[in-house]
Amino acid sequence: MELDAEEDPAAVTERIEHTVLGPETTPDDVIGVLDAAIEHGMRVCIPPCYLELAESYAPAVDVSTVVGFPHGQHATDTKCHEAKSAWEAGAEELDVVMNVGRLRAGEDDAVESELAEVVATVPVPVKVIVEAPLLSEGELRRAAECVVGADADFLKTATGFSAGGATVADVEVMSEYLPVKASGGVGSWADAEAMFAAGAERIGASSGDAIAREFLEQHG
Protein backbone atom coordinates (compact mmCIF):
# COMPACT_ATOMS: atom_id res chain seq x y z
CA MET A 1 0.00 0.00 0.00
CA GLU A 2 1.66 3.21 -1.13
CA LEU A 3 1.03 6.18 1.17
CA ASP A 4 -0.25 9.40 -0.35
CA ALA A 5 1.36 12.47 1.20
CA GLU A 6 -2.05 14.16 1.12
CA GLU A 7 -3.90 11.21 2.66
CA ASP A 8 -6.10 11.85 5.68
CA PRO A 9 -3.99 10.90 8.73
CA ALA A 10 -6.95 8.93 10.11
CA ALA A 11 -6.84 6.69 7.04
CA VAL A 12 -3.28 5.75 8.03
CA THR A 13 -3.70 5.30 11.77
CA GLU A 14 -6.70 3.02 11.24
CA ARG A 15 -4.31 0.64 9.47
CA ILE A 16 -2.31 0.25 12.69
CA GLU A 17 -3.31 -2.58 15.03
CA HIS A 18 -2.05 -1.66 18.50
CA THR A 19 -1.19 -5.05 19.96
CA VAL A 20 -0.82 -6.58 23.41
CA LEU A 21 -0.51 -10.37 23.42
CA GLY A 22 2.17 -11.28 25.96
CA PRO A 23 1.45 -13.86 28.67
CA GLU A 24 1.86 -11.14 31.30
CA THR A 25 -0.97 -9.00 29.84
CA THR A 26 -3.36 -7.63 32.48
CA PRO A 27 -6.81 -6.06 32.14
CA ASP A 28 -5.21 -2.66 32.78
CA ASP A 29 -2.81 -3.28 29.88
CA VAL A 30 -5.76 -3.95 27.60
CA ILE A 31 -7.55 -0.81 28.78
CA GLY A 32 -4.39 1.18 28.04
CA VAL A 33 -4.28 -0.19 24.50
CA LEU A 34 -7.97 0.60 24.02
CA ASP A 35 -7.48 4.16 25.30
CA ALA A 36 -4.65 4.68 22.80
CA ALA A 37 -6.79 3.25 20.02
CA ILE A 38 -9.59 5.66 20.85
CA GLU A 39 -7.17 8.60 20.94
CA HIS A 40 -5.48 7.84 17.62
CA GLY A 41 -8.16 5.97 15.67
CA MET A 42 -6.28 2.66 15.67
CA ARG A 43 -7.45 -0.94 15.73
CA VAL A 44 -6.33 -3.35 18.46
CA CYS A 45 -5.28 -6.99 18.70
CA ILE A 46 -5.73 -8.49 22.17
CA PRO A 47 -5.87 -11.90 23.88
CA PRO A 48 -9.23 -13.68 23.54
CA CYS A 49 -9.79 -13.71 27.31
CA TYR A 50 -10.20 -9.92 27.20
CA LEU A 51 -12.68 -9.65 24.32
CA GLU A 52 -15.66 -9.07 26.59
CA LEU A 53 -13.73 -6.38 28.45
CA ALA A 54 -13.00 -4.62 25.16
CA GLU A 55 -16.62 -4.91 24.04
CA SER A 56 -17.89 -3.30 27.23
CA TYR A 57 -15.14 -0.68 27.62
CA ALA A 58 -14.69 0.47 24.02
CA PRO A 59 -17.41 -0.93 21.74
CA ALA A 60 -16.47 1.43 18.89
CA VAL A 61 -12.89 0.11 18.61
CA ASP A 62 -12.23 -2.56 15.96
CA VAL A 63 -10.89 -5.59 17.83
CA SER A 64 -8.92 -8.57 16.55
CA THR A 65 -7.79 -11.58 18.53
CA VAL A 66 -5.64 -14.65 17.97
CA VAL A 67 -6.40 -18.32 17.32
CA GLY A 68 -3.94 -21.20 17.70
CA PHE A 69 -1.50 -18.74 19.21
CA PRO A 70 1.45 -18.64 19.26
CA HIS A 71 2.68 -21.89 17.67
CA GLY A 72 -0.22 -22.99 15.45
CA GLN A 73 0.01 -26.62 16.53
CA HIS A 74 -3.41 -26.89 18.15
CA ALA A 75 -5.78 -29.57 16.87
CA THR A 76 -8.04 -28.35 14.07
CA ASP A 77 -11.17 -28.77 16.20
CA THR A 78 -9.56 -26.65 18.90
CA LYS A 79 -8.76 -23.87 16.44
CA CYS A 80 -12.33 -23.94 15.13
CA HIS A 81 -13.71 -23.79 18.67
CA GLU A 82 -11.39 -20.89 19.54
CA ALA A 83 -12.47 -19.04 16.39
CA LYS A 84 -16.19 -19.48 17.07
CA SER A 85 -15.83 -18.51 20.72
CA ALA A 86 -13.83 -15.41 19.81
CA TRP A 87 -16.38 -14.30 17.25
CA GLU A 88 -19.22 -14.82 19.74
CA ALA A 89 -17.30 -12.75 22.30
CA GLY A 90 -17.04 -9.82 19.90
CA ALA A 91 -13.90 -10.28 17.80
CA GLU A 92 -14.29 -8.53 14.46
CA GLU A 93 -11.23 -10.18 12.88
CA LEU A 94 -9.15 -13.24 13.72
CA ASP A 95 -5.40 -13.78 13.40
CA VAL A 96 -4.97 -17.55 13.00
CA VAL A 97 -1.57 -19.23 13.28
CA MET A 98 -0.73 -21.67 10.49
CA ASN A 99 0.73 -25.06 11.36
CA VAL A 100 4.14 -24.20 9.94
CA GLY A 101 5.62 -27.57 10.86
CA ARG A 102 3.17 -29.37 8.60
CA LEU A 103 3.91 -26.91 5.80
CA ARG A 104 7.65 -27.49 6.12
CA ALA A 105 6.97 -31.24 6.06
CA GLY A 106 5.27 -30.82 2.68
CA GLU A 107 1.74 -31.41 4.01
CA ASP A 108 0.29 -28.46 2.12
CA ASP A 109 -3.11 -30.08 1.56
CA ALA A 110 -3.54 -30.65 5.31
CA VAL A 111 -2.49 -27.08 6.06
CA GLU A 112 -4.95 -25.64 3.56
CA SER A 113 -7.76 -27.93 4.71
CA GLU A 114 -7.33 -26.90 8.34
CA LEU A 115 -7.33 -23.22 7.48
CA ALA A 116 -10.41 -23.65 5.30
CA GLU A 117 -12.25 -25.25 8.23
CA VAL A 118 -11.41 -22.33 10.48
CA VAL A 119 -12.40 -19.77 7.84
CA ALA A 120 -15.73 -21.53 7.32
CA THR A 121 -16.46 -21.44 11.06
CA VAL A 122 -16.80 -17.66 11.35
CA PRO A 123 -18.35 -14.82 9.31
CA VAL A 124 -15.49 -12.38 9.99
CA PRO A 125 -12.20 -11.70 8.19
CA VAL A 126 -9.38 -14.14 8.90
CA LYS A 127 -5.69 -13.25 8.77
CA VAL A 128 -3.30 -16.20 8.67
CA ILE A 129 0.05 -15.91 10.44
CA VAL A 130 2.69 -17.80 8.45
CA GLU A 131 5.82 -17.15 10.57
CA ALA A 132 7.68 -15.89 7.51
CA PRO A 133 11.06 -15.64 9.32
CA LEU A 134 11.08 -19.44 9.61
CA LEU A 135 10.42 -20.03 5.91
CA SER A 136 12.44 -19.98 2.71
CA GLU A 137 10.96 -17.94 -0.12
CA GLY A 138 9.65 -21.12 -1.71
CA GLU A 139 7.99 -22.18 1.53
CA LEU A 140 6.58 -18.69 1.99
CA ARG A 141 4.99 -18.83 -1.45
CA ARG A 142 3.53 -22.26 -0.69
CA ALA A 143 2.15 -20.91 2.58
CA ALA A 144 0.55 -18.02 0.73
CA GLU A 145 -1.00 -20.40 -1.79
CA CYS A 146 -2.50 -22.42 1.09
CA VAL A 147 -4.00 -19.27 2.57
CA VAL A 148 -5.47 -18.22 -0.77
CA GLY A 149 -6.86 -21.72 -1.27
CA ALA A 150 -8.48 -21.62 2.17
CA ASP A 151 -10.31 -18.41 1.21
CA ALA A 152 -8.77 -16.40 4.06
CA ASP A 153 -8.58 -12.63 3.81
CA PHE A 154 -5.06 -11.58 4.86
CA LEU A 155 -1.55 -12.91 5.22
CA LYS A 156 0.30 -11.91 8.39
CA THR A 157 4.07 -12.10 8.67
CA ALA A 158 4.76 -13.31 12.21
CA THR A 159 3.53 -13.81 15.76
CA GLY A 160 6.40 -11.88 17.29
CA PHE A 161 7.03 -14.90 19.53
CA SER A 162 9.46 -16.69 17.21
CA ALA A 163 12.76 -15.79 15.60
CA GLY A 164 12.65 -12.58 13.60
CA GLY A 165 9.79 -10.41 12.41
CA ALA A 166 8.50 -8.60 9.37
CA THR A 167 10.92 -7.80 6.55
CA VAL A 168 10.45 -5.75 3.41
CA ALA A 169 11.39 -8.74 1.26
CA ASP A 170 8.78 -11.00 2.86
CA VAL A 171 6.06 -8.37 2.63
CA GLU A 172 6.82 -7.83 -1.05
CA VAL A 173 6.41 -11.56 -1.73
CA MET A 174 3.28 -11.95 0.39
CA SER A 175 1.56 -8.93 -1.13
CA GLU A 176 1.56 -10.70 -4.48
CA TYR A 177 -1.11 -13.01 -3.05
CA LEU A 178 -3.32 -11.19 -0.52
CA PRO A 179 -3.42 -8.06 1.63
CA VAL A 180 -0.65 -8.23 4.24
CA LYS A 181 -0.45 -7.42 7.93
CA ALA A 182 3.20 -6.76 8.78
CA SER A 183 3.90 -7.74 12.37
CA GLY A 184 7.00 -8.48 14.40
CA GLY A 185 9.76 -5.95 14.96
CA VAL A 186 7.85 -2.92 13.67
CA GLY A 187 8.85 -0.43 16.33
CA SER A 188 8.85 3.02 14.74
CA TRP A 189 7.06 5.06 12.11
CA ALA A 190 10.07 4.56 9.81
CA ASP A 191 9.64 0.79 10.15
CA ALA A 192 5.91 1.04 9.48
CA GLU A 193 6.40 3.34 6.50
CA ALA A 194 8.85 0.85 4.97
CA MET A 195 6.28 -1.94 5.39
CA PHE A 196 3.54 0.14 3.82
CA ALA A 197 5.84 0.98 0.91
CA ALA A 198 6.57 -2.73 0.45
CA GLY A 199 2.86 -3.44 0.08
CA ALA A 200 1.50 -3.98 3.60
CA GLU A 201 -2.10 -3.02 4.19
CA ARG A 202 -1.90 -3.23 7.99
CA ILE A 203 0.73 -2.95 10.70
CA GLY A 204 0.59 -4.91 13.95
CA ALA A 205 2.79 -3.58 16.74
CA SER A 206 3.02 -3.50 20.51
CA SER A 207 4.41 0.01 20.01
CA GLY A 208 1.38 1.06 17.96
CA ASP A 209 0.77 4.06 20.22
CA ALA A 210 4.31 5.38 19.71
CA ILE A 211 4.13 4.73 15.96
CA ALA A 212 0.85 6.63 15.67
CA ARG A 213 2.19 9.54 17.72
CA GLU A 214 5.33 9.74 15.60
CA PHE A 215 3.30 9.64 12.39
CA LEU A 216 0.87 12.30 13.59
CA GLU A 217 3.71 14.58 14.71
CA GLN A 218 5.01 14.47 11.14
CA HIS A 219 1.74 14.43 9.21
CA GLY A 220 -1.14 15.28 11.55
C-alpha atoms as a PDB file:
ATOM      1  CA  MET A   1       0.000   0.000   0.000  1.00  0.00           C
ATOM      2  CA  GLU A   2       1.657   3.215  -1.131  1.00  0.00           C
ATOM      3  CA  LEU A   3       1.029   6.176   1.168  1.00  0.00           C
ATOM      4  CA  ASP A   4      -0.251   9.403  -0.354  1.00  0.00           C
ATOM      5  CA  ALA A   5       1.359  12.471   1.198  1.00  0.00           C
ATOM      6  CA  GLU A   6      -2.051  14.163   1.124  1.00  0.00           C
ATOM      7  CA  GLU A   7      -3.905  11.212   2.659  1.00  0.00           C
ATOM      8  CA  ASP A   8      -6.102  11.847   5.679  1.00  0.00           C
ATOM      9  CA  PRO A   9      -3.994  10.897   8.729  1.00  0.00           C
ATOM     10  CA  ALA A  10      -6.946   8.925  10.113  1.00  0.00           C
ATOM     11  CA  ALA A  11      -6.837   6.688   7.039  1.00  0.00           C
ATOM     12  CA  VAL A  12      -3.282   5.750   8.025  1.00  0.00           C
ATOM     13  CA  THR A  13      -3.704   5.300  11.773  1.00  0.00           C
ATOM     14  CA  GLU A  14      -6.695   3.019  11.240  1.00  0.00           C
ATOM     15  CA  ARG A  15      -4.312   0.636   9.473  1.00  0.00           C
ATOM     16  CA  ILE A  16      -2.306   0.250  12.690  1.00  0.00           C
ATOM     17  CA  GLU A  17      -3.308  -2.584  15.035  1.00  0.00           C
ATOM     18  CA  HIS A  18      -2.046  -1.655  18.497  1.00  0.00           C
ATOM     19  CA  THR A  19      -1.192  -5.046  19.965  1.00  0.00           C
ATOM     20  CA  VAL A  20      -0.823  -6.577  23.411  1.00  0.00           C
ATOM     21  CA  LEU A  21      -0.509 -10.374  23.421  1.00  0.00           C
ATOM     22  CA  GLY A  22       2.169 -11.283  25.964  1.00  0.00           C
ATOM     23  CA  PRO A  23       1.448 -13.864  28.671  1.00  0.00           C
ATOM     24  CA  GLU A  24       1.858 -11.137  31.296  1.00  0.00           C
ATOM     25  CA  THR A  25      -0.974  -8.997  29.840  1.00  0.00           C
ATOM     26  CA  THR A  26      -3.356  -7.634  32.483  1.00  0.00           C
ATOM     27  CA  PRO A  27      -6.814  -6.059  32.143  1.00  0.00           C
ATOM     28  CA  ASP A  28      -5.209  -2.664  32.782  1.00  0.00           C
ATOM     29  CA  ASP A  29      -2.805  -3.283  29.883  1.00  0.00           C
ATOM     30  CA  VAL A  30      -5.761  -3.950  27.596  1.00  0.00           C
ATOM     31  CA  ILE A  31      -7.545  -0.814  28.783  1.00  0.00           C
ATOM     32  CA  GLY A  32      -4.386   1.176  28.040  1.00  0.00           C
ATOM     33  CA  VAL A  33      -4.283  -0.193  24.502  1.00  0.00           C
ATOM     34  CA  LEU A  34      -7.971   0.600  24.017  1.00  0.00           C
ATOM     35  CA  ASP A  35      -7.482   4.163  25.298  1.00  0.00           C
ATOM     36  CA  ALA A  36      -4.648   4.680  22.805  1.00  0.00           C
ATOM     37  CA  ALA A  37      -6.789   3.251  20.015  1.00  0.00           C
ATOM     38  CA  ILE A  38      -9.591   5.658  20.849  1.00  0.00           C
ATOM     39  CA  GLU A  39      -7.166   8.602  20.938  1.00  0.00           C
ATOM     40  CA  HIS A  40      -5.481   7.845  17.622  1.00  0.00           C
ATOM     41  CA  GLY A  41      -8.163   5.971  15.674  1.00  0.00           C
ATOM     42  CA  MET A  42      -6.275   2.661  15.672  1.00  0.00           C
ATOM     43  CA  ARG A  43      -7.452  -0.935  15.733  1.00  0.00           C
ATOM     44  CA  VAL A  44      -6.327  -3.349  18.456  1.00  0.00           C
ATOM     45  CA  CYS A  45      -5.284  -6.988  18.703  1.00  0.00           C
ATOM     46  CA  ILE A  46      -5.729  -8.489  22.173  1.00  0.00           C
ATOM     47  CA  PRO A  47      -5.875 -11.902  23.876  1.00  0.00           C
ATOM     48  CA  PRO A  48      -9.229 -13.685  23.544  1.00  0.00           C
ATOM     49  CA  CYS A  49      -9.791 -13.708  27.307  1.00  0.00           C
ATOM     50  CA  TYR A  50     -10.195  -9.919  27.196  1.00  0.00           C
ATOM     51  CA  LEU A  51     -12.680  -9.647  24.323  1.00  0.00           C
ATOM     52  CA  GLU A  52     -15.661  -9.075  26.593  1.00  0.00           C
ATOM     53  CA  LEU A  53     -13.731  -6.377  28.455  1.00  0.00           C
ATOM     54  CA  ALA A  54     -13.003  -4.622  25.162  1.00  0.00           C
ATOM     55  CA  GLU A  55     -16.619  -4.909  24.044  1.00  0.00           C
ATOM     56  CA  SER A  56     -17.889  -3.302  27.235  1.00  0.00           C
ATOM     57  CA  TYR A  57     -15.137  -0.680  27.619  1.00  0.00           C
ATOM     58  CA  ALA A  58     -14.688   0.473  24.017  1.00  0.00           C
ATOM     59  CA  PRO A  59     -17.406  -0.930  21.738  1.00  0.00           C
ATOM     60  CA  ALA A  60     -16.472   1.431  18.893  1.00  0.00           C
ATOM     61  CA  VAL A  61     -12.892   0.108  18.610  1.00  0.00           C
ATOM     62  CA  ASP A  62     -12.234  -2.556  15.964  1.00  0.00           C
ATOM     63  CA  VAL A  63     -10.885  -5.587  17.828  1.00  0.00           C
ATOM     64  CA  SER A  64      -8.919  -8.573  16.545  1.00  0.00           C
ATOM     65  CA  THR A  65      -7.786 -11.577  18.529  1.00  0.00           C
ATOM     66  CA  VAL A  66      -5.642 -14.650  17.969  1.00  0.00           C
ATOM     67  CA  VAL A  67      -6.396 -18.324  17.315  1.00  0.00           C
ATOM     68  CA  GLY A  68      -3.936 -21.201  17.699  1.00  0.00           C
ATOM     69  CA  PHE A  69      -1.500 -18.740  19.208  1.00  0.00           C
ATOM     70  CA  PRO A  70       1.455 -18.637  19.263  1.00  0.00           C
ATOM     71  CA  HIS A  71       2.682 -21.894  17.671  1.00  0.00           C
ATOM     72  CA  GLY A  72      -0.219 -22.985  15.451  1.00  0.00           C
ATOM     73  CA  GLN A  73       0.012 -26.615  16.533  1.00  0.00           C
ATOM     74  CA  HIS A  74      -3.410 -26.893  18.151  1.00  0.00           C
ATOM     75  CA  ALA A  75      -5.778 -29.575  16.867  1.00  0.00           C
ATOM     76  CA  THR A  76      -8.035 -28.347  14.073  1.00  0.00           C
ATOM     77  CA  ASP A  77     -11.175 -28.771  16.201  1.00  0.00           C
ATOM     78  CA  THR A  78      -9.562 -26.655  18.898  1.00  0.00           C
ATOM     79  CA  LYS A  79      -8.764 -23.872  16.441  1.00  0.00           C
ATOM     80  CA  CYS A  80     -12.330 -23.936  15.131  1.00  0.00           C
ATOM     81  CA  HIS A  81     -13.712 -23.787  18.669  1.00  0.00           C
ATOM     82  CA  GLU A  82     -11.394 -20.892  19.540  1.00  0.00           C
ATOM     83  CA  ALA A  83     -12.469 -19.044  16.393  1.00  0.00           C
ATOM     84  CA  LYS A  84     -16.187 -19.484  17.067  1.00  0.00           C
ATOM     85  CA  SER A  85     -15.830 -18.513  20.723  1.00  0.00           C
ATOM     86  CA  ALA A  86     -13.826 -15.415  19.815  1.00  0.00           C
ATOM     87  CA  TRP A  87     -16.383 -14.302  17.254  1.00  0.00           C
ATOM     88  CA  GLU A  88     -19.223 -14.822  19.736  1.00  0.00           C
ATOM     89  CA  ALA A  89     -17.296 -12.745  22.300  1.00  0.00           C
ATOM     90  CA  GLY A  90     -17.042  -9.815  19.900  1.00  0.00           C
ATOM     91  CA  ALA A  91     -13.899 -10.277  17.796  1.00  0.00           C
ATOM     92  CA  GLU A  92     -14.285  -8.527  14.462  1.00  0.00           C
ATOM     93  CA  GLU A  93     -11.233 -10.179  12.879  1.00  0.00           C
ATOM     94  CA  LEU A  94      -9.154 -13.244  13.719  1.00  0.00           C
ATOM     95  CA  ASP A  95      -5.399 -13.780  13.402  1.00  0.00           C
ATOM     96  CA  VAL A  96      -4.970 -17.551  12.999  1.00  0.00           C
ATOM     97  CA  VAL A  97      -1.568 -19.225  13.277  1.00  0.00           C
ATOM     98  CA  MET A  98      -0.734 -21.669  10.487  1.00  0.00           C
ATOM     99  CA  ASN A  99       0.732 -25.062  11.362  1.00  0.00           C
ATOM    100  CA  VAL A 100       4.136 -24.199   9.939  1.00  0.00           C
ATOM    101  CA  GLY A 101       5.619 -27.575  10.861  1.00  0.00           C
ATOM    102  CA  ARG A 102       3.167 -29.369   8.596  1.00  0.00           C
ATOM    103  CA  LEU A 103       3.908 -26.910   5.802  1.00  0.00           C
ATOM    104  CA  ARG A 104       7.648 -27.494   6.119  1.00  0.00           C
ATOM    105  CA  ALA A 105       6.969 -31.239   6.057  1.00  0.00           C
ATOM    106  CA  GLY A 106       5.266 -30.822   2.683  1.00  0.00           C
ATOM    107  CA  GLU A 107       1.744 -31.414   4.007  1.00  0.00           C
ATOM    108  CA  ASP A 108       0.292 -28.456   2.120  1.00  0.00           C
ATOM    109  CA  ASP A 109      -3.109 -30.078   1.563  1.00  0.00           C
ATOM    110  CA  ALA A 110      -3.536 -30.648   5.308  1.00  0.00           C
ATOM    111  CA  VAL A 111      -2.487 -27.078   6.063  1.00  0.00           C
ATOM    112  CA  GLU A 112      -4.949 -25.635   3.559  1.00  0.00           C
ATOM    113  CA  SER A 113      -7.757 -27.930   4.706  1.00  0.00           C
ATOM    114  CA  GLU A 114      -7.329 -26.904   8.338  1.00  0.00           C
ATOM    115  CA  LEU A 115      -7.329 -23.219   7.483  1.00  0.00           C
ATOM    116  CA  ALA A 116     -10.414 -23.648   5.299  1.00  0.00           C
ATOM    117  CA  GLU A 117     -12.247 -25.251   8.226  1.00  0.00           C
ATOM    118  CA  VAL A 118     -11.407 -22.326  10.477  1.00  0.00           C
ATOM    119  CA  VAL A 119     -12.403 -19.769   7.838  1.00  0.00           C
ATOM    120  CA  ALA A 120     -15.734 -21.531   7.316  1.00  0.00           C
ATOM    121  CA  THR A 121     -16.458 -21.443  11.058  1.00  0.00           C
ATOM    122  CA  VAL A 122     -16.803 -17.658  11.345  1.00  0.00           C
ATOM    123  CA  PRO A 123     -18.347 -14.817   9.312  1.00  0.00           C
ATOM    124  CA  VAL A 124     -15.490 -12.381   9.995  1.00  0.00           C
ATOM    125  CA  PRO A 125     -12.200 -11.696   8.186  1.00  0.00           C
ATOM    126  CA  VAL A 126      -9.380 -14.136   8.900  1.00  0.00           C
ATOM    127  CA  LYS A 127      -5.691 -13.252   8.774  1.00  0.00           C
ATOM    128  CA  VAL A 128      -3.303 -16.199   8.673  1.00  0.00           C
ATOM    129  CA  ILE A 129       0.051 -15.905  10.441  1.00  0.00           C
ATOM    130  CA  VAL A 130       2.688 -17.802   8.450  1.00  0.00           C
ATOM    131  CA  GLU A 131       5.821 -17.146  10.568  1.00  0.00           C
ATOM    132  CA  ALA A 132       7.681 -15.890   7.507  1.00  0.00           C
ATOM    133  CA  PRO A 133      11.059 -15.643   9.318  1.00  0.00           C
ATOM    134  CA  LEU A 134      11.082 -19.444   9.612  1.00  0.00           C
ATOM    135  CA  LEU A 135      10.419 -20.034   5.910  1.00  0.00           C
ATOM    136  CA  SER A 136      12.436 -19.983   2.713  1.00  0.00           C
ATOM    137  CA  GLU A 137      10.958 -17.937  -0.121  1.00  0.00           C
ATOM    138  CA  GLY A 138       9.651 -21.120  -1.710  1.00  0.00           C
ATOM    139  CA  GLU A 139       7.992 -22.181   1.535  1.00  0.00           C
ATOM    140  CA  LEU A 140       6.575 -18.689   1.994  1.00  0.00           C
ATOM    141  CA  ARG A 141       4.992 -18.829  -1.450  1.00  0.00           C
ATOM    142  CA  ARG A 142       3.530 -22.261  -0.694  1.00  0.00           C
ATOM    143  CA  ALA A 143       2.154 -20.908   2.578  1.00  0.00           C
ATOM    144  CA  ALA A 144       0.551 -18.017   0.726  1.00  0.00           C
ATOM    145  CA  GLU A 145      -0.999 -20.401  -1.786  1.00  0.00           C
ATOM    146  CA  CYS A 146      -2.503 -22.424   1.086  1.00  0.00           C
ATOM    147  CA  VAL A 147      -4.000 -19.273   2.569  1.00  0.00           C
ATOM    148  CA  VAL A 148      -5.468 -18.223  -0.769  1.00  0.00           C
ATOM    149  CA  GLY A 149      -6.860 -21.724  -1.272  1.00  0.00           C
ATOM    150  CA  ALA A 150      -8.477 -21.624   2.169  1.00  0.00           C
ATOM    151  CA  ASP A 151     -10.309 -18.406   1.211  1.00  0.00           C
ATOM    152  CA  ALA A 152      -8.769 -16.398   4.056  1.00  0.00           C
ATOM    153  CA  ASP A 153      -8.582 -12.634   3.807  1.00  0.00           C
ATOM    154  CA  PHE A 154      -5.059 -11.585   4.860  1.00  0.00           C
ATOM    155  CA  LEU A 155      -1.553 -12.905   5.221  1.00  0.00           C
ATOM    156  CA  LYS A 156       0.300 -11.911   8.395  1.00  0.00           C
ATOM    157  CA  THR A 157       4.067 -12.100   8.674  1.00  0.00           C
ATOM    158  CA  ALA A 158       4.757 -13.312  12.209  1.00  0.00           C
ATOM    159  CA  THR A 159       3.526 -13.815  15.756  1.00  0.00           C
ATOM    160  CA  GLY A 160       6.398 -11.885  17.291  1.00  0.00           C
ATOM    161  CA  PHE A 161       7.029 -14.901  19.532  1.00  0.00           C
ATOM    162  CA  SER A 162       9.460 -16.690  17.212  1.00  0.00           C
ATOM    163  CA  ALA A 163      12.764 -15.785  15.605  1.00  0.00           C
ATOM    164  CA  GLY A 164      12.653 -12.583  13.601  1.00  0.00           C
ATOM    165  CA  GLY A 165       9.794 -10.407  12.413  1.00  0.00           C
ATOM    166  CA  ALA A 166       8.498  -8.600   9.370  1.00  0.00           C
ATOM    167  CA  THR A 167      10.916  -7.804   6.546  1.00  0.00           C
ATOM    168  CA  VAL A 168      10.447  -5.748   3.413  1.00  0.00           C
ATOM    169  CA  ALA A 169      11.390  -8.743   1.261  1.00  0.00           C
ATOM    170  CA  ASP A 170       8.783 -11.004   2.864  1.00  0.00           C
ATOM    171  CA  VAL A 171       6.056  -8.366   2.628  1.00  0.00           C
ATOM    172  CA  GLU A 172       6.824  -7.834  -1.045  1.00  0.00           C
ATOM    173  CA  VAL A 173       6.413 -11.562  -1.730  1.00  0.00           C
ATOM    174  CA  MET A 174       3.281 -11.952   0.388  1.00  0.00           C
ATOM    175  CA  SER A 175       1.555  -8.926  -1.127  1.00  0.00           C
ATOM    176  CA  GLU A 176       1.560 -10.704  -4.484  1.00  0.00           C
ATOM    177  CA  TYR A 177      -1.111 -13.009  -3.048  1.00  0.00           C
ATOM    178  CA  LEU A 178      -3.324 -11.189  -0.517  1.00  0.00           C
ATOM    179  CA  PRO A 179      -3.421  -8.060   1.635  1.00  0.00           C
ATOM    180  CA  VAL A 180      -0.651  -8.233   4.245  1.00  0.00           C
ATOM    181  CA  LYS A 181      -0.450  -7.416   7.927  1.00  0.00           C
ATOM    182  CA  ALA A 182       3.196  -6.763   8.777  1.00  0.00           C
ATOM    183  CA  SER A 183       3.903  -7.738  12.368  1.00  0.00           C
ATOM    184  CA  GLY A 184       6.996  -8.484  14.405  1.00  0.00           C
ATOM    185  CA  GLY A 185       9.760  -5.953  14.961  1.00  0.00           C
ATOM    186  CA  VAL A 186       7.846  -2.923  13.668  1.00  0.00           C
ATOM    187  CA  GLY A 187       8.850  -0.430  16.327  1.00  0.00           C
ATOM    188  CA  SER A 188       8.849   3.020  14.739  1.00  0.00           C
ATOM    189  CA  TRP A 189       7.059   5.058  12.105  1.00  0.00           C
ATOM    190  CA  ALA A 190      10.070   4.562   9.808  1.00  0.00           C
ATOM    191  CA  ASP A 191       9.635   0.790  10.146  1.00  0.00           C
ATOM    192  CA  ALA A 192       5.908   1.045   9.481  1.00  0.00           C
ATOM    193  CA  GLU A 193       6.398   3.344   6.500  1.00  0.00           C
ATOM    194  CA  ALA A 194       8.846   0.848   4.968  1.00  0.00           C
ATOM    195  CA  MET A 195       6.284  -1.944   5.391  1.00  0.00           C
ATOM    196  CA  PHE A 196       3.536   0.143   3.817  1.00  0.00           C
ATOM    197  CA  ALA A 197       5.844   0.985   0.908  1.00  0.00           C
ATOM    198  CA  ALA A 198       6.568  -2.735   0.445  1.00  0.00           C
ATOM    199  CA  GLY A 199       2.856  -3.436   0.079  1.00  0.00           C
ATOM    200  CA  ALA A 200       1.504  -3.982   3.603  1.00  0.00           C
ATOM    201  CA  GLU A 201      -2.102  -3.018   4.189  1.00  0.00           C
ATOM    202  CA  ARG A 202      -1.901  -3.227   7.990  1.00  0.00           C
ATOM    203  CA  ILE A 203       0.728  -2.952  10.702  1.00  0.00           C
ATOM    204  CA  GLY A 204       0.591  -4.914  13.947  1.00  0.00           C
ATOM    205  CA  ALA A 205       2.790  -3.578  16.735  1.00  0.00           C
ATOM    206  CA  SER A 206       3.017  -3.499  20.505  1.00  0.00           C
ATOM    207  CA  SER A 207       4.410   0.005  20.008  1.00  0.00           C
ATOM    208  CA  GLY A 208       1.384   1.065  17.960  1.00  0.00           C
ATOM    209  CA  ASP A 209       0.767   4.059  20.219  1.00  0.00           C
ATOM    210  CA  ALA A 210       4.307   5.385  19.708  1.00  0.00           C
ATOM    211  CA  ILE A 211       4.130   4.726  15.958  1.00  0.00           C
ATOM    212  CA  ALA A 212       0.852   6.629  15.667  1.00  0.00           C
ATOM    213  CA  ARG A 213       2.194   9.537  17.722  1.00  0.00           C
ATOM    214  CA  GLU A 214       5.334   9.735  15.599  1.00  0.00           C
ATOM    215  CA  PHE A 215       3.297   9.639  12.394  1.00  0.00           C
ATOM    216  CA  LEU A 216       0.869  12.304  13.589  1.00  0.00           C
ATOM    217  CA  GLU A 217       3.706  14.584  14.707  1.00  0.00           C
ATOM    218  CA  GLN A 218       5.013  14.475  11.143  1.00  0.00           C
ATOM    219  CA  HIS A 219       1.737  14.431   9.212  1.00  0.00           C
ATOM    220  CA  GLY A 220      -1.135  15.281  11.546  1.00  0.00           C
END
